[in-house]
Amino acid sequence: SIVSISVRFDGFVWIEDLVGVAEKSASCTLYPLLKRKDEKYVTEYAYDNPRFVEDVVRECALLLEEMEQVRWYKVEAENYESIHNHNAYALLEKDTNGRS
C-alpha cells in the first residue's frame, strides 16, 4: 500500500507528524526489518486490525482535522492487490479554512 498526504498549512508542520498520521491510520506499524518471531506478531496484529483504503483515508483525515495549523489536505491510499486483477484506491480532499 501507498498513502500520500498533501497539506497546506499556517505556521509549521513536522514531516514526522504527517508520517505518524499515515502510520497510525494503517492496520499495523511498518518495520523495515523483522525477525521471524516478530513477523508473527505483526501479521496477527494487522489481521486483528484490518483497514481498507477507505478506512485509512478516513482515519488520516480525522487526525489531520486535529492539527489546527492544517488549512487544506488531500489524502490518497492505494493498495496493490496480489490476488485481484485491480488495485483498491481512495481519495479524500478538504479545505479546512472555514474552521472556527
N, C-alpha and C. Protein backbone atom coordinates (compact mmCIF):
# COMPACT_ATOMS: atom_id res chain seq x y z
N SER A 1 0.83 -1.19 0.00
CA SER A 1 0.00 0.00 0.00
C SER A 1 0.87 1.24 0.00
N ILE A 2 0.31 2.29 -0.56
CA ILE A 2 0.96 3.60 -0.52
C ILE A 2 -0.07 4.61 -0.05
N VAL A 3 0.31 5.42 0.94
CA VAL A 3 -0.52 6.51 1.43
C VAL A 3 0.20 7.81 1.11
N SER A 4 -0.51 8.73 0.46
CA SER A 4 0.05 10.05 0.14
C SER A 4 -0.77 11.11 0.87
N ILE A 5 -0.07 11.99 1.56
CA ILE A 5 -0.73 13.08 2.29
C ILE A 5 -0.14 14.39 1.79
N SER A 6 -1.01 15.26 1.31
CA SER A 6 -0.63 16.62 0.91
C SER A 6 -1.34 17.59 1.84
N VAL A 7 -0.62 18.63 2.28
CA VAL A 7 -1.23 19.61 3.18
C VAL A 7 -0.82 21.02 2.80
N ARG A 8 -1.71 21.96 3.11
CA ARG A 8 -1.40 23.39 3.11
C ARG A 8 -1.63 23.81 4.54
N PHE A 9 -0.74 24.64 5.06
CA PHE A 9 -0.81 24.93 6.48
C PHE A 9 -0.31 26.33 6.80
N ASP A 10 -0.70 26.82 7.96
CA ASP A 10 -0.19 28.06 8.52
C ASP A 10 0.78 27.67 9.62
N GLY A 11 1.86 28.41 9.73
CA GLY A 11 2.81 28.09 10.78
C GLY A 11 3.77 26.99 10.35
N PHE A 12 3.85 25.95 11.17
CA PHE A 12 4.85 24.90 10.96
C PHE A 12 4.24 23.53 11.17
N VAL A 13 4.59 22.60 10.31
CA VAL A 13 4.17 21.20 10.46
C VAL A 13 5.40 20.32 10.29
N TRP A 14 5.63 19.44 11.23
CA TRP A 14 6.74 18.50 11.13
C TRP A 14 6.37 17.39 10.15
N ILE A 15 7.28 17.03 9.27
CA ILE A 15 7.05 15.91 8.34
C ILE A 15 6.86 14.62 9.14
N GLU A 16 7.55 14.51 10.27
CA GLU A 16 7.40 13.33 11.11
C GLU A 16 5.97 13.19 11.64
N ASP A 17 5.30 14.31 11.87
CA ASP A 17 3.90 14.25 12.32
C ASP A 17 3.00 13.71 11.22
N LEU A 18 3.28 14.07 9.98
CA LEU A 18 2.48 13.55 8.86
C LEU A 18 2.75 12.06 8.64
N VAL A 19 3.99 11.65 8.82
CA VAL A 19 4.31 10.22 8.74
C VAL A 19 3.56 9.48 9.84
N GLY A 20 3.51 10.08 11.03
CA GLY A 20 2.77 9.48 12.14
C GLY A 20 1.29 9.33 11.84
N VAL A 21 0.71 10.32 11.16
CA VAL A 21 -0.70 10.25 10.76
C VAL A 21 -0.92 9.03 9.86
N ALA A 22 -0.05 8.85 8.88
CA ALA A 22 -0.19 7.71 7.97
C ALA A 22 -0.01 6.39 8.72
N GLU A 23 0.99 6.31 9.58
CA GLU A 23 1.24 5.06 10.30
C GLU A 23 0.12 4.71 11.27
N LYS A 24 -0.41 5.72 11.97
CA LYS A 24 -1.49 5.46 12.93
C LYS A 24 -2.78 5.03 12.23
N SER A 25 -2.91 5.35 10.96
CA SER A 25 -4.14 5.07 10.22
C SER A 25 -4.13 3.70 9.55
N ALA A 26 -2.99 3.05 9.52
CA ALA A 26 -2.87 1.76 8.84
C ALA A 26 -3.20 0.59 9.77
N SER A 27 -3.23 -0.58 9.23
CA SER A 27 -3.53 -1.79 10.01
C SER A 27 -2.47 -2.07 11.06
N CYS A 28 -1.23 -1.72 10.75
CA CYS A 28 -0.13 -2.01 11.65
C CYS A 28 1.04 -1.11 11.29
N THR A 29 1.88 -0.83 12.27
CA THR A 29 3.08 -0.04 12.03
C THR A 29 4.01 -0.78 11.08
N LEU A 30 4.72 -0.03 10.26
CA LEU A 30 5.70 -0.63 9.35
C LEU A 30 7.04 -0.81 10.06
N TYR A 31 7.69 -1.90 9.75
CA TYR A 31 9.01 -2.18 10.29
C TYR A 31 9.93 -2.53 9.13
N PRO A 32 11.08 -1.85 9.03
CA PRO A 32 11.98 -2.11 7.91
C PRO A 32 12.67 -3.47 8.00
N LEU A 33 12.77 -4.02 9.21
CA LEU A 33 13.44 -5.30 9.39
C LEU A 33 12.76 -6.04 10.54
N LEU A 34 12.41 -7.29 10.28
CA LEU A 34 11.75 -8.10 11.31
C LEU A 34 12.44 -9.45 11.45
N LYS A 35 12.50 -9.92 12.68
CA LYS A 35 12.92 -11.30 12.92
C LYS A 35 11.69 -12.17 12.79
N ARG A 36 11.86 -13.44 12.59
CA ARG A 36 10.75 -14.36 12.36
C ARG A 36 9.69 -14.28 13.46
N LYS A 37 10.12 -14.26 14.73
CA LYS A 37 9.16 -14.21 15.83
C LYS A 37 8.37 -12.90 15.83
N ASP A 38 9.00 -11.81 15.41
CA ASP A 38 8.31 -10.52 15.33
C ASP A 38 7.33 -10.48 14.16
N GLU A 39 7.66 -11.16 13.09
CA GLU A 39 6.78 -11.21 11.92
C GLU A 39 5.43 -11.80 12.29
N LYS A 40 5.42 -12.80 13.14
CA LYS A 40 4.17 -13.42 13.59
C LYS A 40 3.30 -12.39 14.30
N TYR A 41 3.88 -11.61 15.21
CA TYR A 41 3.14 -10.59 15.93
C TYR A 41 2.55 -9.56 14.97
N VAL A 42 3.36 -9.05 14.05
CA VAL A 42 2.90 -8.02 13.12
C VAL A 42 1.77 -8.55 12.25
N THR A 43 1.91 -9.76 11.76
CA THR A 43 0.86 -10.36 10.92
C THR A 43 -0.44 -10.52 11.70
N GLU A 44 -0.35 -11.01 12.92
CA GLU A 44 -1.56 -11.19 13.73
C GLU A 44 -2.19 -9.86 14.11
N TYR A 45 -1.36 -8.86 14.42
CA TYR A 45 -1.89 -7.54 14.77
C TYR A 45 -2.63 -6.93 13.58
N ALA A 46 -2.04 -7.01 12.41
CA ALA A 46 -2.69 -6.46 11.21
C ALA A 46 -3.97 -7.21 10.89
N TYR A 47 -3.97 -8.51 11.08
CA TYR A 47 -5.17 -9.32 10.84
C TYR A 47 -6.30 -8.93 11.79
N ASP A 48 -5.96 -8.61 13.04
CA ASP A 48 -6.96 -8.22 14.04
C ASP A 48 -7.40 -6.76 13.89
N ASN A 49 -6.70 -6.00 13.07
CA ASN A 49 -6.98 -4.57 12.89
C ASN A 49 -7.05 -4.23 11.39
N PRO A 50 -7.96 -4.87 10.65
CA PRO A 50 -7.97 -4.67 9.20
C PRO A 50 -8.38 -3.24 8.82
N ARG A 51 -7.73 -2.70 7.81
CA ARG A 51 -8.06 -1.38 7.29
C ARG A 51 -8.08 -1.45 5.77
N PHE A 52 -9.18 -1.07 5.20
CA PHE A 52 -9.29 -0.94 3.76
C PHE A 52 -8.85 0.48 3.40
N VAL A 53 -8.65 0.75 2.11
CA VAL A 53 -8.18 2.08 1.71
C VAL A 53 -9.11 3.18 2.20
N GLU A 54 -10.41 2.93 2.19
CA GLU A 54 -11.37 3.92 2.67
C GLU A 54 -11.15 4.21 4.16
N ASP A 55 -10.86 3.16 4.92
CA ASP A 55 -10.61 3.33 6.35
C ASP A 55 -9.35 4.13 6.60
N VAL A 56 -8.31 3.83 5.85
CA VAL A 56 -7.02 4.53 6.02
C VAL A 56 -7.20 6.02 5.72
N VAL A 57 -7.87 6.34 4.63
CA VAL A 57 -8.08 7.74 4.25
C VAL A 57 -8.93 8.45 5.30
N ARG A 58 -9.97 7.81 5.76
CA ARG A 58 -10.85 8.40 6.78
C ARG A 58 -10.09 8.65 8.08
N GLU A 59 -9.29 7.69 8.52
CA GLU A 59 -8.52 7.85 9.75
C GLU A 59 -7.48 8.97 9.63
N CYS A 60 -6.82 9.05 8.48
CA CYS A 60 -5.87 10.14 8.25
C CYS A 60 -6.58 11.49 8.34
N ALA A 61 -7.74 11.59 7.72
CA ALA A 61 -8.49 12.84 7.73
C ALA A 61 -8.87 13.25 9.15
N LEU A 62 -9.29 12.30 9.95
CA LEU A 62 -9.65 12.60 11.34
C LEU A 62 -8.45 13.16 12.11
N LEU A 63 -7.28 12.57 11.91
CA LEU A 63 -6.08 13.04 12.59
C LEU A 63 -5.63 14.41 12.06
N LEU A 64 -5.77 14.63 10.76
CA LEU A 64 -5.41 15.92 10.18
C LEU A 64 -6.35 17.03 10.67
N GLU A 65 -7.61 16.69 10.89
CA GLU A 65 -8.58 17.66 11.41
C GLU A 65 -8.17 18.16 12.80
N GLU A 66 -7.44 17.37 13.54
CA GLU A 66 -6.99 17.76 14.88
C GLU A 66 -5.79 18.71 14.84
N MET A 67 -5.15 18.82 13.69
CA MET A 67 -3.97 19.68 13.55
C MET A 67 -4.44 21.08 13.14
N GLU A 68 -4.46 22.01 14.09
CA GLU A 68 -5.02 23.34 13.85
C GLU A 68 -4.32 24.11 12.75
N GLN A 69 -3.05 23.86 12.52
CA GLN A 69 -2.31 24.60 11.51
C GLN A 69 -2.61 24.13 10.08
N VAL A 70 -3.24 22.98 9.92
CA VAL A 70 -3.56 22.46 8.58
C VAL A 70 -4.80 23.18 8.05
N ARG A 71 -4.67 23.79 6.86
CA ARG A 71 -5.76 24.55 6.24
C ARG A 71 -6.42 23.80 5.08
N TRP A 72 -5.73 22.86 4.52
CA TRP A 72 -6.24 22.06 3.40
C TRP A 72 -5.46 20.75 3.39
N TYR A 73 -6.14 19.67 3.04
CA TYR A 73 -5.42 18.40 2.90
C TYR A 73 -6.04 17.53 1.81
N LYS A 74 -5.20 16.66 1.31
CA LYS A 74 -5.63 15.62 0.38
C LYS A 74 -4.92 14.35 0.80
N VAL A 75 -5.70 13.30 0.98
CA VAL A 75 -5.15 12.01 1.39
C VAL A 75 -5.54 10.98 0.32
N GLU A 76 -4.56 10.24 -0.16
CA GLU A 76 -4.80 9.17 -1.12
C GLU A 76 -4.20 7.88 -0.57
N ALA A 77 -4.89 6.79 -0.81
CA ALA A 77 -4.37 5.47 -0.43
C ALA A 77 -4.64 4.50 -1.57
N GLU A 78 -3.64 3.71 -1.89
CA GLU A 78 -3.78 2.69 -2.93
C GLU A 78 -3.18 1.39 -2.44
N ASN A 79 -3.97 0.34 -2.48
CA ASN A 79 -3.50 -1.00 -2.16
C ASN A 79 -3.21 -1.73 -3.45
N TYR A 80 -2.01 -2.24 -3.56
CA TYR A 80 -1.63 -3.02 -4.72
C TYR A 80 -2.01 -4.47 -4.46
N GLU A 81 -3.04 -4.89 -5.13
CA GLU A 81 -3.63 -6.20 -4.88
C GLU A 81 -2.80 -7.32 -5.53
N SER A 82 -2.58 -8.37 -4.78
CA SER A 82 -1.82 -9.50 -5.31
C SER A 82 -2.74 -10.63 -5.78
N ILE A 83 -3.97 -10.67 -5.27
CA ILE A 83 -4.86 -11.77 -5.65
C ILE A 83 -6.02 -11.31 -6.54
N HIS A 84 -6.13 -10.00 -6.78
CA HIS A 84 -7.17 -9.47 -7.67
C HIS A 84 -6.50 -8.84 -8.88
N ASN A 85 -7.27 -8.63 -9.93
CA ASN A 85 -6.68 -8.03 -11.13
C ASN A 85 -6.88 -6.51 -11.15
N HIS A 86 -7.12 -5.91 -10.00
CA HIS A 86 -7.24 -4.46 -9.89
C HIS A 86 -6.72 -4.01 -8.52
N ASN A 87 -6.37 -2.74 -8.42
CA ASN A 87 -5.94 -2.16 -7.16
C ASN A 87 -7.12 -1.47 -6.49
N ALA A 88 -7.05 -1.27 -5.19
CA ALA A 88 -8.07 -0.52 -4.45
C ALA A 88 -7.52 0.88 -4.21
N TYR A 89 -8.38 1.90 -4.38
CA TYR A 89 -7.94 3.29 -4.29
C TYR A 89 -9.01 4.14 -3.61
N ALA A 90 -8.57 5.08 -2.78
CA ALA A 90 -9.48 6.03 -2.15
C ALA A 90 -8.80 7.38 -2.04
N LEU A 91 -9.59 8.45 -2.12
CA LEU A 91 -9.07 9.81 -2.03
C LEU A 91 -10.07 10.65 -1.26
N LEU A 92 -9.55 11.54 -0.41
CA LEU A 92 -10.38 12.50 0.30
C LEU A 92 -9.63 13.82 0.33
N GLU A 93 -10.32 14.90 -0.02
CA GLU A 93 -9.71 16.23 -0.04
C GLU A 93 -10.64 17.19 0.68
N LYS A 94 -10.06 18.08 1.50
CA LYS A 94 -10.89 19.01 2.25
C LYS A 94 -10.16 20.32 2.50
N ASP A 95 -10.89 21.41 2.31
CA ASP A 95 -10.41 22.74 2.67
C ASP A 95 -10.94 23.03 4.07
N THR A 96 -10.06 23.24 5.02
CA THR A 96 -10.47 23.44 6.41
C THR A 96 -10.42 24.90 6.83
N ASN A 97 -10.34 25.82 5.88
CA ASN A 97 -10.25 27.24 6.22
C ASN A 97 -11.45 27.76 6.99
N GLY A 98 -12.60 27.11 6.84
CA GLY A 98 -13.81 27.55 7.50
C GLY A 98 -13.91 27.15 8.96
N ARG A 99 -12.87 26.54 9.49
CA ARG A 99 -12.88 26.13 10.90
C ARG A 99 -13.06 27.31 11.82
N SER A 100 -13.75 27.07 12.93
CA SER A 100 -13.89 28.15 13.92
C SER A 100 -12.91 27.96 15.05
